[in-house]
């Protein structure tokens, strides 16, 4: 049975009423409203003031962590002690908590029924039950907004979402988000606030989406003022003058590209923001805007009349091609990587070590006798699998299996498909997937697609992936939804996970054990703790002088990786 739009709307209205009943939260609501709407254009077209107000409400109740509550309002306001909640409100609240915002490309249309969309940030694919919208939407249109799960693997999109029909914009967004994924080791997520700045700030959205706001439009303030505002943003976040100078100098070392739709996605600004998130108290949204505005000025010398976009700052030289390391070196390096990760070594150090090990200069003659491999072969097999599923079972069955695209992303460096085995499947299911799945439902869909792909690989190509996965498949199905629910709560409480930390085993309460068996105290967000079980693996990072904060949870089946190393 599908959840009706009315139930979702009533649940949102009830949460708003409860927020207004809390004096501290009511003050936050009004303050955040002015901040959220300050740059949003509402001059008619498809972007009305009412739509902008609704997007602010979704962000405030479903994403923004409240200082008064210490959590996202919808997580706290929906639970009333010693009272029996209305079942419809509970259902609507669960759909709201399971929702997320992103930019979606229309990939299929069934007029009068609905559309298929691809999340260009997280790469998931979702069927939308939108009978009316399906009569006007076309393949390659863009929808920007929030989707709500309504049952039977179906979703609906918020009617405050933006709609764009612009092939150039689509290509630009695809390119920017591809770069962003290459620079991250966690799922790429876009907040509703970021989407507001990217697509709605400073533009009147006409039917068909002929224009969109760009965060990198030429600032109207003078050079000195814009740079001073960027410096003040950094100093407010705790950086001293020399540290702020270093940040601005680093930003100036890379040319500003005015064609980029999303500055900070996989570029020098993104690197800077990632460090600021980990090492400082800088407000990242404010910093993104201030540094984006300053970037073109930093690149252009004051006396140079040419626009910044026409004058490269200090382009980095193209790296020289490196010869491919021998297969035995690759296997040894990956084996060491896996072993050290299970011991809790930081990801940054591990990846740097792996790169040093594999990117060694060699003469071309050294590889002449090596067996050829084909990086990207996993993606090619995935395409063949989806083609077979569509032809044999129909698009209704094949579409949900498109989640196997995540396995393509995971395995893009693999060169020999026949070499895939249990260790590779568990690296994906136990480590890669929990760090990136946006919800428990999506985690199970990703796992289901892997199970089907493994079965197909064994039946059609004789690669025994289904047999390899059988040892842990049933246990993973039971634990992944729980673990990924915990990770959603952790990301909501602490923000996106950053690399590094210790790998521990959960021992119950606020205790965990390191690989040496020593007991450690850990800080676990309350909303995540309810999903944990003894034996889960935890990634924890320093939060205070003597505390470790849990930032990611992995299923107990992760222990199997140690046996396979």
Protein backbone atom coordinates (compact mmCIF):
# COMPACT_ATOMS: atom_id res chain seq x y z
CA UNK A 1 0.00 0.00 0.00
CA UNK A 2 1.40 3.37 -1.04
CA UNK A 3 1.58 6.27 1.37
CA UNK A 4 -0.56 9.17 0.19
CA UNK A 5 0.79 12.67 -0.30
CA UNK A 6 -1.83 13.88 2.19
CA UNK A 7 -0.31 11.81 5.01
CA UNK A 8 3.17 13.21 4.28
CA UNK A 9 1.86 16.78 4.22
CA UNK A 10 -0.04 16.32 7.49
CA UNK A 11 3.06 14.89 9.18
CA UNK A 12 5.13 17.87 8.02
CA UNK A 13 2.47 20.28 9.26
CA UNK A 14 2.36 18.51 12.64
CA UNK A 15 6.16 18.71 12.99
CA UNK A 16 6.02 22.41 12.17
CA UNK A 17 3.35 22.95 14.81
CA UNK A 18 5.47 21.17 17.41
CA UNK A 19 8.52 23.23 16.41
CA UNK A 20 6.57 26.46 16.86
CA UNK A 21 5.49 25.26 20.31
CA UNK A 22 9.12 25.24 21.47
CA UNK A 23 10.24 28.84 22.16
CA UNK A 24 13.94 28.19 21.43
CA UNK A 25 13.16 26.23 18.27
CA UNK A 26 10.67 28.88 17.16
CA UNK A 27 13.44 31.48 17.33
CA UNK A 28 15.78 29.23 15.30
CA UNK A 29 13.04 28.74 12.72
CA UNK A 30 12.65 32.47 12.12
CA UNK A 31 16.40 33.17 12.10
CA UNK A 32 17.15 30.33 9.70
CA UNK A 33 14.27 31.40 7.45
CA UNK A 34 15.87 34.78 6.78
CA UNK A 35 19.24 33.13 6.18
CA UNK A 36 17.85 30.45 3.85
CA UNK A 37 15.69 32.80 1.79
CA UNK A 38 18.06 35.79 1.62
CA UNK A 39 19.58 34.80 -1.73
CA UNK A 40 16.57 33.04 -3.22
CA UNK A 41 14.85 34.70 -6.15
CA UNK A 42 11.06 34.49 -6.11
CA UNK A 43 10.15 36.66 -9.05
CA UNK A 44 7.48 34.45 -10.56
CA UNK A 45 7.89 31.60 -13.01
CA UNK A 46 8.13 28.13 -11.49
CA UNK A 47 10.01 29.43 -8.46
CA UNK A 48 7.48 31.14 -6.19
CA UNK A 49 7.88 32.49 -2.69
CA UNK A 50 5.65 29.70 -1.39
CA UNK A 51 7.92 27.08 -2.96
CA UNK A 52 11.01 28.68 -1.44
CA UNK A 53 9.30 28.78 1.96
CA UNK A 54 8.46 25.11 1.65
CA UNK A 55 12.05 24.18 0.74
CA UNK A 56 13.23 26.09 3.83
CA UNK A 57 10.75 24.18 6.00
CA UNK A 58 11.94 20.82 4.63
CA UNK A 59 15.57 21.79 5.28
CA UNK A 60 14.88 23.10 8.79
CA UNK A 61 12.82 20.12 9.97
CA UNK A 62 14.56 17.28 8.12
CA UNK A 63 18.23 18.26 7.72
CA UNK A 64 19.38 21.12 9.90
CA UNK A 65 20.76 20.15 13.30
CA UNK A 66 19.10 22.35 15.94
CA UNK A 67 21.26 23.94 18.62
CA UNK A 68 18.33 23.86 21.03
CA UNK A 69 17.56 20.16 20.50
CA UNK A 70 21.03 18.89 19.67
CA UNK A 71 19.56 16.95 16.74
CA UNK A 72 17.48 17.33 13.60
CA UNK A 73 13.99 18.48 14.71
CA UNK A 74 12.08 15.67 12.98
CA UNK A 75 14.06 13.07 14.91
CA UNK A 76 13.10 14.54 18.29
CA UNK A 77 9.74 16.22 17.76
CA UNK A 78 8.16 13.04 16.45
CA UNK A 79 8.66 11.18 19.73
CA UNK A 80 6.32 12.14 22.56
CA UNK A 81 6.97 10.21 25.82
CA UNK A 82 4.03 8.45 27.49
CA UNK A 83 1.70 9.07 24.56
CA UNK A 84 0.25 6.97 21.78
CA UNK A 85 1.17 8.49 18.44
CA UNK A 86 -1.31 8.61 15.59
CA UNK A 87 -0.40 5.83 13.16
CA UNK A 88 -0.76 8.07 10.11
CA UNK A 89 1.56 10.64 11.66
CA UNK A 90 4.09 7.90 12.43
CA UNK A 91 3.96 6.68 8.82
CA UNK A 92 4.31 10.21 7.47
CA UNK A 93 7.18 11.02 9.81
CA UNK A 94 9.05 7.85 8.76
CA UNK A 95 8.70 8.90 5.11
CA UNK A 96 10.01 12.36 5.97
CA UNK A 97 12.99 10.91 7.85
CA UNK A 98 13.71 8.59 4.93
CA UNK A 99 13.69 11.43 2.42
CA UNK A 100 16.71 13.18 0.95
CA UNK A 101 17.43 16.08 -1.38
CA UNK A 102 19.55 15.97 -4.51
CA UNK A 103 19.64 16.81 -8.20
CA UNK A 104 17.95 14.16 -10.34
CA UNK A 105 18.09 13.41 -14.06
CA UNK A 106 14.96 11.97 -15.69
CA UNK A 107 16.02 8.65 -17.26
CA UNK A 108 12.64 7.22 -18.22
CA UNK A 109 9.02 8.36 -18.57
CA UNK A 110 5.81 6.34 -18.53
CA UNK A 111 3.09 8.84 -19.32
CA UNK A 112 0.22 8.83 -16.86
CA UNK A 113 2.12 6.68 -14.33
CA UNK A 114 5.49 8.06 -13.33
CA UNK A 115 9.15 8.59 -14.16
CA UNK A 116 12.55 7.09 -13.39
CA UNK A 117 15.21 9.42 -12.03
CA UNK A 118 18.94 9.05 -11.40
CA UNK A 119 20.50 10.79 -8.42
CA UNK A 120 23.46 12.55 -10.03
CA UNK A 121 25.19 12.90 -6.66
CA UNK A 122 24.71 9.47 -5.10
CA UNK A 123 24.16 7.54 -8.38
CA UNK A 124 21.06 5.73 -7.11
CA UNK A 125 18.10 5.25 -9.43
CA UNK A 126 14.54 5.77 -8.20
CA UNK A 127 11.02 5.27 -9.59
CA UNK A 128 8.73 8.25 -8.88
CA UNK A 129 4.99 7.77 -8.69
CA UNK A 130 4.04 11.07 -10.36
CA UNK A 131 1.15 10.53 -12.76
CA UNK A 132 0.51 14.21 -13.53
CA UNK A 133 4.16 15.24 -13.84
CA UNK A 134 4.91 12.30 -16.15
CA UNK A 135 2.77 13.93 -18.86
CA UNK A 136 5.08 16.96 -19.09
CA UNK A 137 8.52 15.67 -18.08
CA UNK A 138 11.01 14.37 -20.65
CA UNK A 139 14.15 12.24 -20.52
CA UNK A 140 17.21 14.36 -19.52
CA UNK A 141 15.13 16.97 -17.70
CA UNK A 142 16.51 17.89 -14.27
CA UNK A 143 14.56 17.86 -11.01
CA UNK A 144 16.16 19.57 -8.02
CA UNK A 145 14.63 18.87 -4.63
CA UNK A 146 13.59 16.25 -2.09
CA UNK A 147 12.17 12.76 -2.67
CA UNK A 148 10.04 10.84 -0.16
CA UNK A 149 9.71 7.01 0.02
CA UNK A 150 6.05 5.99 -0.18
CA UNK A 151 6.29 2.18 -0.27
CA UNK A 152 6.85 -0.65 -2.76
CA UNK A 153 10.26 0.89 -3.65
CA UNK A 154 8.43 3.96 -5.01
CA UNK A 155 9.12 7.63 -4.25
CA UNK A 156 7.42 10.98 -4.72
CA UNK A 157 9.18 14.29 -5.21
CA UNK A 158 8.41 17.43 -3.27
CA UNK A 159 6.25 19.79 -5.31
CA UNK A 160 8.52 22.64 -4.22
CA UNK A 161 11.30 21.14 -6.35
CA UNK A 162 12.84 22.96 -9.28
CA UNK A 163 12.53 21.84 -12.90
CA UNK A 164 15.13 22.53 -15.60
CA UNK A 165 15.31 21.64 -19.29
CA UNK A 166 18.76 22.68 -20.41
CA UNK A 167 21.22 20.16 -21.97
CA UNK A 168 24.20 22.40 -21.21
CA UNK A 169 23.27 22.61 -17.56
CA UNK A 170 22.81 18.83 -17.40
CA UNK A 171 26.28 18.20 -18.82
CA UNK A 172 27.85 20.76 -16.47
CA UNK A 173 26.20 19.24 -13.41
CA UNK A 174 27.23 15.72 -14.45
CA UNK A 175 30.85 16.83 -14.89
CA UNK A 176 30.99 18.69 -11.58
CA UNK A 177 29.50 15.82 -9.58
CA UNK A 178 31.78 13.29 -11.26
CA UNK A 179 34.76 15.35 -10.12
CA UNK A 180 33.29 15.58 -6.64
CA UNK A 181 32.96 11.80 -6.33
CA UNK A 182 36.55 11.30 -7.46
CA UNK A 183 37.73 13.49 -4.60
CA UNK A 184 35.75 11.73 -1.84
CA UNK A 185 35.81 8.42 -0.04
CA UNK A 186 32.28 8.70 1.32
CA UNK A 187 28.91 9.04 -0.36
CA UNK A 188 28.43 12.36 -2.13
CA UNK A 189 25.47 14.09 -0.54
CA UNK A 190 23.99 17.51 -1.31
CA UNK A 191 22.09 19.40 1.36
CA UNK A 192 18.91 21.28 0.57
CA UNK A 193 20.73 24.47 1.53
CA UNK A 194 23.46 23.77 -1.03
CA UNK A 195 20.86 23.08 -3.72
CA UNK A 196 19.15 26.38 -2.91
CA UNK A 197 22.39 28.28 -3.46
CA UNK A 198 23.31 26.36 -6.60
CA UNK A 199 20.02 26.43 -8.46
CA UNK A 200 17.70 29.06 -6.99
CA UNK A 201 19.84 31.92 -5.69
CA UNK A 202 19.65 35.07 -7.78
CA UNK A 203 17.63 33.70 -10.69
CA UNK A 204 14.01 33.74 -11.76
CA UNK A 205 13.22 30.21 -12.90
CA UNK A 206 11.10 30.28 -16.00
CA UNK A 207 9.04 27.31 -17.19
CA UNK A 208 11.39 24.86 -18.84
CA UNK A 209 14.31 25.92 -16.69
CA UNK A 210 16.05 28.30 -19.08
CA UNK A 211 18.20 29.83 -16.33
CA UNK A 212 19.72 28.71 -13.07
CA UNK A 213 21.57 30.48 -10.30
CA UNK A 214 25.33 29.94 -10.35
CA UNK A 215 27.37 30.27 -7.21
CA UNK A 216 30.29 31.56 -9.25
CA UNK A 217 28.69 34.58 -10.93
CA UNK A 218 30.84 37.73 -10.91
CA UNK A 219 30.58 39.47 -7.52
CA UNK A 220 29.14 42.95 -7.40
CA UNK A 221 31.41 44.05 -4.52
CA UNK A 222 34.90 45.35 -5.11
CA UNK A 223 37.98 43.15 -4.85
CA UNK A 224 39.17 44.37 -1.44
CA UNK A 225 35.73 43.95 0.15
CA UNK A 226 35.14 40.46 -1.22
CA UNK A 227 38.56 39.20 -0.07
CA UNK A 228 38.10 40.88 3.32
CA UNK A 229 34.77 39.07 3.76
CA UNK A 230 36.42 35.74 2.92
CA UNK A 231 39.21 36.45 5.41
CA UNK A 232 36.68 37.37 8.11
CA UNK A 233 34.78 34.13 7.52
CA UNK A 234 38.01 32.18 8.11
CA UNK A 235 38.98 34.16 11.19
CA UNK A 236 35.50 33.71 12.68
CA UNK A 237 36.08 29.96 12.36
CA UNK A 238 39.27 30.10 14.43
CA UNK A 239 42.03 30.62 11.83
CA UNK A 240 44.74 33.14 12.60
CA UNK A 241 45.97 35.65 10.00
CA UNK A 242 48.77 33.47 8.65
CA UNK A 243 46.47 30.43 8.32
CA UNK A 244 43.87 32.54 6.48
CA UNK A 245 46.63 33.84 4.17
CA UNK A 246 47.64 30.25 3.42
CA UNK A 247 44.06 29.31 2.52
CA UNK A 248 43.64 32.29 0.19
CA UNK A 249 47.03 31.67 -1.42
CA UNK A 250 46.16 28.03 -2.04
CA UNK A 251 42.85 29.02 -3.64
CA UNK A 252 44.66 31.55 -5.84
CA UNK A 253 47.02 28.84 -7.11
CA UNK A 254 44.28 27.19 -9.18
CA UNK A 255 42.51 28.97 -12.06
CA UNK A 256 38.89 29.92 -11.45
CA UNK A 257 36.59 28.26 -13.98
CA UNK A 258 33.40 30.31 -14.56
CA UNK A 259 31.70 27.41 -16.37
CA UNK A 260 31.60 25.23 -13.25
CA UNK A 261 28.10 24.97 -11.81
CA UNK A 262 29.15 23.74 -8.38
CA UNK A 263 32.41 25.25 -7.08
CA UNK A 264 33.84 23.09 -4.33
CA UNK A 265 33.00 19.81 -6.07
CA UNK A 266 36.26 17.98 -6.71
CA UNK A 267 38.41 21.10 -7.15
CA UNK A 268 40.88 23.09 -5.04
CA UNK A 269 38.03 24.77 -3.13
CA UNK A 270 36.65 21.32 -2.29
CA UNK A 271 40.03 20.27 -0.85
CA UNK A 272 40.12 23.42 1.29
CA UNK A 273 36.57 22.94 2.57
CA UNK A 274 37.31 19.31 3.48
CA UNK A 275 40.23 20.40 5.64
CA UNK A 276 38.25 23.22 7.22
CA UNK A 277 35.50 20.74 8.12
CA UNK A 278 37.95 18.56 10.02
CA UNK A 279 40.36 21.02 11.58
CA UNK A 280 38.33 24.18 12.31
CA UNK A 281 34.97 25.57 13.42
CA UNK A 282 34.39 27.42 10.13
CA UNK A 283 30.77 27.40 8.92
CA UNK A 284 31.21 25.51 5.66
CA UNK A 285 28.21 26.94 3.83
CA UNK A 286 29.31 30.50 4.64
CA UNK A 287 32.89 29.64 3.69
CA UNK A 288 31.82 28.12 0.38
CA UNK A 289 29.99 31.30 -0.59
CA UNK A 290 32.70 33.68 0.64
CA UNK A 291 35.60 31.78 -0.94
CA UNK A 292 33.70 31.24 -4.20
CA UNK A 293 33.10 34.99 -4.42
CA UNK A 294 36.76 35.74 -3.67
CA UNK A 295 38.24 33.11 -5.98
CA UNK A 296 38.11 35.06 -9.28
CA UNK A 297 39.58 38.14 -7.58
CA UNK A 298 42.38 36.11 -6.00
CA UNK A 299 43.32 34.73 -9.42
CA UNK A 300 43.37 38.11 -11.17
CA UNK A 301 46.16 40.56 -10.35
CA UNK A 302 44.73 43.96 -9.25
CA UNK A 303 46.40 45.77 -12.11
CA UNK A 304 45.32 43.25 -14.75
CA UNK A 305 42.18 44.55 -16.54
CA UNK A 306 41.34 41.14 -17.98
CA UNK A 307 38.65 39.10 -16.23
CA UNK A 308 39.90 36.38 -13.93
CA UNK A 309 38.46 33.66 -16.17
CA UNK A 310 40.72 34.79 -19.01
CA UNK A 311 43.93 34.72 -16.99
CA UNK A 312 45.18 31.39 -15.61
CA UNK A 313 46.82 31.72 -12.21
CA UNK A 314 49.31 28.94 -11.87
CA UNK A 315 48.17 25.93 -13.85
CA UNK A 316 49.55 22.71 -12.56
CA UNK A 317 51.63 20.69 -15.04
CA UNK A 318 50.09 17.56 -16.46
CA UNK A 319 51.44 14.52 -14.65
CA UNK A 320 53.65 12.18 -16.63
CA UNK A 321 52.16 8.83 -17.51
CA UNK A 322 53.30 6.05 -15.22
CA UNK A 323 53.83 2.48 -16.23
CA UNK A 324 51.46 -0.06 -14.73
CA UNK A 325 52.94 -1.99 -11.77
CA UNK A 326 53.22 -5.77 -12.05
CA UNK A 327 50.14 -7.74 -10.99
CA UNK A 328 51.94 -9.34 -8.04
CA UNK A 329 52.83 -5.87 -6.72
CA UNK A 330 49.20 -4.79 -6.99
CA UNK A 331 47.97 -7.86 -5.11
CA UNK A 332 50.55 -7.39 -2.37
CA UNK A 333 49.75 -3.68 -1.99
CA UNK A 334 45.98 -4.27 -1.82
CA UNK A 335 46.41 -7.09 0.67
CA UNK A 336 48.48 -4.84 2.92
CA UNK A 337 45.92 -2.04 2.50
CA UNK A 338 43.06 -4.30 3.64
CA UNK A 339 44.99 -5.65 6.62
CA UNK A 340 46.02 -2.21 7.85
CA UNK A 341 42.48 -0.84 7.42
CA UNK A 342 41.08 -3.60 9.64
CA UNK A 343 43.70 -2.68 12.22
CA UNK A 344 42.27 0.85 12.27
CA UNK A 345 44.94 2.78 10.35
CA UNK A 346 43.77 6.15 8.99
CA UNK A 347 42.46 6.15 5.43
CA UNK A 348 44.54 9.15 4.33
CA UNK A 349 47.79 7.43 5.30
CA UNK A 350 46.64 4.15 3.77
CA UNK A 351 45.79 5.70 0.41
CA UNK A 352 49.05 7.66 0.34
CA UNK A 353 50.95 4.45 1.04
CA UNK A 354 49.02 2.60 -1.65
CA UNK A 355 49.71 5.33 -4.21
CA UNK A 356 53.42 5.32 -3.40
CA UNK A 357 53.49 1.54 -3.77
CA UNK A 358 51.71 1.40 -7.12
CA UNK A 359 52.77 4.60 -8.91
CA UNK A 360 56.42 3.69 -9.41
CA UNK A 361 58.26 4.73 -12.58
CA UNK A 362 59.13 1.76 -14.78
CA UNK A 363 60.39 1.14 -18.27
CA UNK A 364 57.66 0.06 -20.66
CA UNK A 365 59.60 -3.10 -21.36
CA UNK A 366 58.96 -4.33 -17.81
CA UNK A 367 55.27 -4.91 -18.57
CA UNK A 368 55.67 -6.48 -21.99
CA UNK A 369 55.19 -10.01 -20.67
CA UNK A 370 52.44 -9.17 -18.18
CA UNK A 371 48.95 -10.52 -18.77
CA UNK A 372 46.74 -7.67 -20.00
CA UNK A 373 43.94 -6.39 -17.84
CA UNK A 374 41.14 -3.93 -18.54
CA UNK A 375 40.28 -1.40 -15.84
CA UNK A 376 36.54 -0.78 -16.08
CA UNK A 377 35.70 -4.40 -16.86
CA UNK A 378 33.32 -4.53 -13.88
CA UNK A 379 31.34 -1.67 -15.37
CA UNK A 380 31.19 -3.47 -18.72
CA UNK A 381 29.86 -6.61 -17.04
CA UNK A 382 27.30 -4.56 -15.12
CA UNK A 383 26.00 -3.07 -18.37
CA UNK A 384 25.68 -6.56 -19.87
CA UNK A 385 23.87 -7.76 -16.73
CA UNK A 386 21.33 -4.92 -16.82
CA UNK A 387 20.78 -5.47 -20.54
CA UNK A 388 20.03 -9.14 -19.91
CA UNK A 389 17.72 -8.36 -16.99
CA UNK A 390 15.77 -5.80 -19.03
CA UNK A 391 15.40 -8.17 -21.97
CA UNK A 392 14.51 -11.25 -19.94
CA UNK A 393 12.54 -9.89 -16.98
CA UNK A 394 11.34 -6.50 -18.21
CA UNK A 395 12.20 -2.96 -17.22
CA UNK A 396 10.07 -3.06 -14.03
CA UNK A 397 12.44 -5.71 -12.63
CA UNK A 398 15.63 -4.34 -14.16
CA UNK A 399 15.22 -0.78 -12.93
CA UNK A 400 15.69 -1.51 -9.20
CA UNK A 401 18.75 -3.61 -10.09
CA UNK A 402 20.36 -0.48 -11.56
CA UNK A 403 21.69 0.04 -8.03
CA UNK A 404 24.49 -2.34 -9.08
CA UNK A 405 26.05 0.76 -10.66
CA UNK A 406 27.49 1.34 -7.19
CA UNK A 407 29.49 -1.87 -7.58
CA UNK A 408 30.82 -0.50 -10.88
CA UNK A 409 32.04 2.58 -9.04
CA UNK A 410 33.64 0.44 -6.36
CA UNK A 411 35.34 -1.87 -8.84
CA UNK A 412 36.38 0.60 -11.53
CA UNK A 413 40.09 -0.16 -11.04
CA UNK A 414 39.67 -3.94 -11.34
CA UNK A 415 41.18 -5.28 -14.56
CA UNK A 416 40.37 -9.01 -14.56
CA UNK A 417 36.76 -9.91 -13.84
CA UNK A 418 37.56 -13.56 -13.15
CA UNK A 419 39.78 -12.52 -10.23
CA UNK A 420 36.82 -11.16 -8.24
CA UNK A 421 36.09 -13.21 -5.15
CA UNK A 422 34.64 -13.20 -1.66
CA UNK A 423 37.10 -10.64 -0.32
CA UNK A 424 36.15 -8.12 -3.02
CA UNK A 425 32.42 -8.63 -2.45
CA UNK A 426 32.83 -8.14 1.29
CA UNK A 427 34.98 -5.05 0.86
CA UNK A 428 32.05 -3.60 -1.07
CA UNK A 429 29.23 -4.85 1.18
CA UNK A 430 30.89 -4.42 4.59
CA UNK A 431 33.00 -1.27 4.14
CA UNK A 432 32.22 0.64 0.91
CA UNK A 433 28.44 0.32 1.11
CA UNK A 434 27.89 1.36 4.78
CA UNK A 435 30.01 4.47 4.24
CA UNK A 436 27.90 5.59 1.27
CA UNK A 437 24.33 4.23 1.40
CA UNK A 438 21.93 7.18 2.00
CA UNK A 439 19.36 5.06 3.85
CA UNK A 440 18.67 1.56 5.16
CA UNK A 441 16.27 0.89 2.29
CA UNK A 442 18.89 1.86 -0.27
CA UNK A 443 21.51 -0.29 1.46
CA UNK A 444 19.29 -3.34 1.07
CA UNK A 445 18.57 -2.45 -2.55
CA UNK A 446 22.31 -2.18 -3.25
CA UNK A 447 22.90 -5.54 -1.57
CA UNK A 448 20.00 -7.18 -3.44
CA UNK A 449 21.41 -5.95 -6.74
CA UNK A 450 24.81 -7.40 -5.81
CA UNK A 451 23.21 -10.77 -4.99
CA UNK A 452 21.43 -10.83 -8.36
CA UNK A 453 24.56 -9.74 -10.21
CA UNK A 454 26.61 -12.43 -8.45
CA UNK A 455 24.06 -15.10 -9.37
CA UNK A 456 24.07 -13.95 -13.00
CA UNK A 457 27.89 -13.88 -13.11
CA UNK A 458 28.05 -17.46 -11.91
CA UNK A 459 25.32 -18.75 -14.21
CA UNK A 460 26.38 -16.93 -17.38
CA UNK A 461 30.15 -16.55 -17.03
CA UNK A 462 31.22 -19.21 -14.55
CA UNK A 463 32.62 -16.65 -12.07
CA UNK A 464 31.59 -18.10 -8.71
CA UNK A 465 30.47 -14.86 -7.05
CA UNK A 466 27.16 -16.22 -5.77
CA UNK A 467 28.98 -19.10 -4.09
CA UNK A 468 31.53 -16.67 -2.63
CA UNK A 469 28.79 -14.44 -1.21
CA UNK A 470 26.66 -17.25 0.18
CA UNK A 471 28.79 -17.57 3.35
CA UNK A 472 27.65 -14.17 4.67
CA UNK A 473 24.67 -13.15 2.50
CA UNK A 474 21.86 -13.98 4.94
CA UNK A 475 23.65 -12.37 7.89
CA UNK A 476 24.38 -9.24 5.84
CA UNK A 477 20.73 -8.91 4.91
CA UNK A 478 19.87 -8.88 8.61
CA UNK A 479 22.59 -6.45 9.70
CA UNK A 480 23.03 -3.93 6.87
CA UNK A 481 19.69 -2.15 7.33
CA UNK A 482 20.42 -1.71 11.03
CA UNK A 483 24.00 -0.55 10.48
CA UNK A 484 23.07 1.92 7.74
CA UNK A 485 20.25 3.35 9.87
CA UNK A 486 22.90 4.05 12.50
CA UNK A 487 25.13 5.73 9.91
CA UNK A 488 22.30 7.97 8.72
CA UNK A 489 21.83 9.09 12.32
CA UNK A 490 25.59 9.66 12.71
CA UNK A 491 25.83 11.76 9.54
CA UNK A 492 22.83 13.78 10.66
CA UNK A 493 24.42 14.41 14.06
CA UNK A 494 28.08 14.95 13.12
CA UNK A 495 28.03 15.72 9.39
CA UNK A 496 29.74 13.78 6.60
CA UNK A 497 32.39 11.33 7.71
CA UNK A 498 35.98 12.41 7.16
CA UNK A 499 38.86 9.97 6.63
CA UNK A 500 40.85 8.53 9.49
CA UNK A 501 40.20 7.16 12.93
CA UNK A 502 40.43 3.86 14.79
CA UNK A 503 38.60 0.65 13.89
CA UNK A 504 37.06 -0.80 17.06
CA UNK A 505 34.65 -3.60 17.95
CA UNK A 506 31.50 -2.58 19.84
CA UNK A 507 31.29 -4.13 23.32
CA UNK A 508 28.00 -2.57 24.48
CA UNK A 509 27.07 0.63 26.26
CA UNK A 510 29.73 3.25 25.64
CA UNK A 511 32.59 0.77 25.32
CA UNK A 512 34.51 -0.73 22.42
CA UNK A 513 37.68 -2.79 22.02
CA UNK A 514 40.65 -2.14 19.79
CA UNK A 515 42.38 -4.96 17.81
CA UNK A 516 44.65 -5.59 20.81
CA UNK A 517 41.63 -6.25 23.04
CA UNK A 518 41.97 -3.05 25.04
CA UNK A 519 38.76 -1.36 26.19
CA UNK A 520 38.04 2.16 24.91
CA UNK A 521 35.29 4.63 25.83
CA UNK A 522 33.39 5.95 22.81
CA UNK A 523 30.81 8.68 22.24
CA UNK A 524 27.81 7.46 20.25
CA UNK A 525 24.96 9.70 19.11
CA UNK A 526 21.77 8.62 20.90
CA UNK A 527 19.83 8.26 17.64
CA UNK A 528 22.48 5.82 16.37
CA UNK A 529 23.03 3.84 19.59
CA UNK A 530 19.62 2.16 19.38
CA UNK A 531 20.68 0.36 16.19
CA UNK A 532 24.00 -1.01 17.48
CA UNK A 533 24.68 -4.59 18.53
CA UNK A 534 27.68 -6.11 20.24
CA UNK A 535 30.18 -7.22 17.60
CA UNK A 536 29.56 -4.33 15.20
CA UNK A 537 32.66 -2.55 13.95
CA UNK A 538 33.03 1.15 14.70
CA UNK A 539 35.20 3.84 13.16
CA UNK A 540 35.97 6.40 15.84
CA UNK A 541 37.86 9.68 15.76
CA UNK A 542 39.18 11.97 18.51
CA UNK A 543 36.52 14.41 19.70
CA UNK A 544 38.04 15.72 22.94
CA UNK A 545 41.08 15.19 25.14
CA UNK A 546 40.08 11.68 26.18
CA UNK A 547 37.05 10.83 24.04
CA UNK A 548 36.54 8.99 20.77
CA UNK A 549 33.48 9.85 18.69
CA UNK A 550 31.91 7.12 16.55
CA UNK A 551 31.52 8.38 12.96
CA UNK A 552 30.68 5.19 11.07
CA UNK A 553 29.37 1.70 11.84
CA UNK A 554 30.13 -1.50 9.91
CA UNK A 555 28.39 -4.89 10.14
CA UNK A 556 29.87 -7.69 12.27
CA UNK A 557 30.50 -9.67 9.06
CA UNK A 558 33.45 -7.31 8.51
CA UNK A 559 35.39 -9.71 10.73
CA UNK A 560 35.35 -12.21 7.86
CA UNK A 561 37.74 -9.95 5.95
CA UNK A 562 40.49 -10.66 8.47
CA UNK A 563 40.11 -14.38 7.74
CA UNK A 564 40.46 -13.77 3.99
CA UNK A 565 43.52 -11.49 4.14
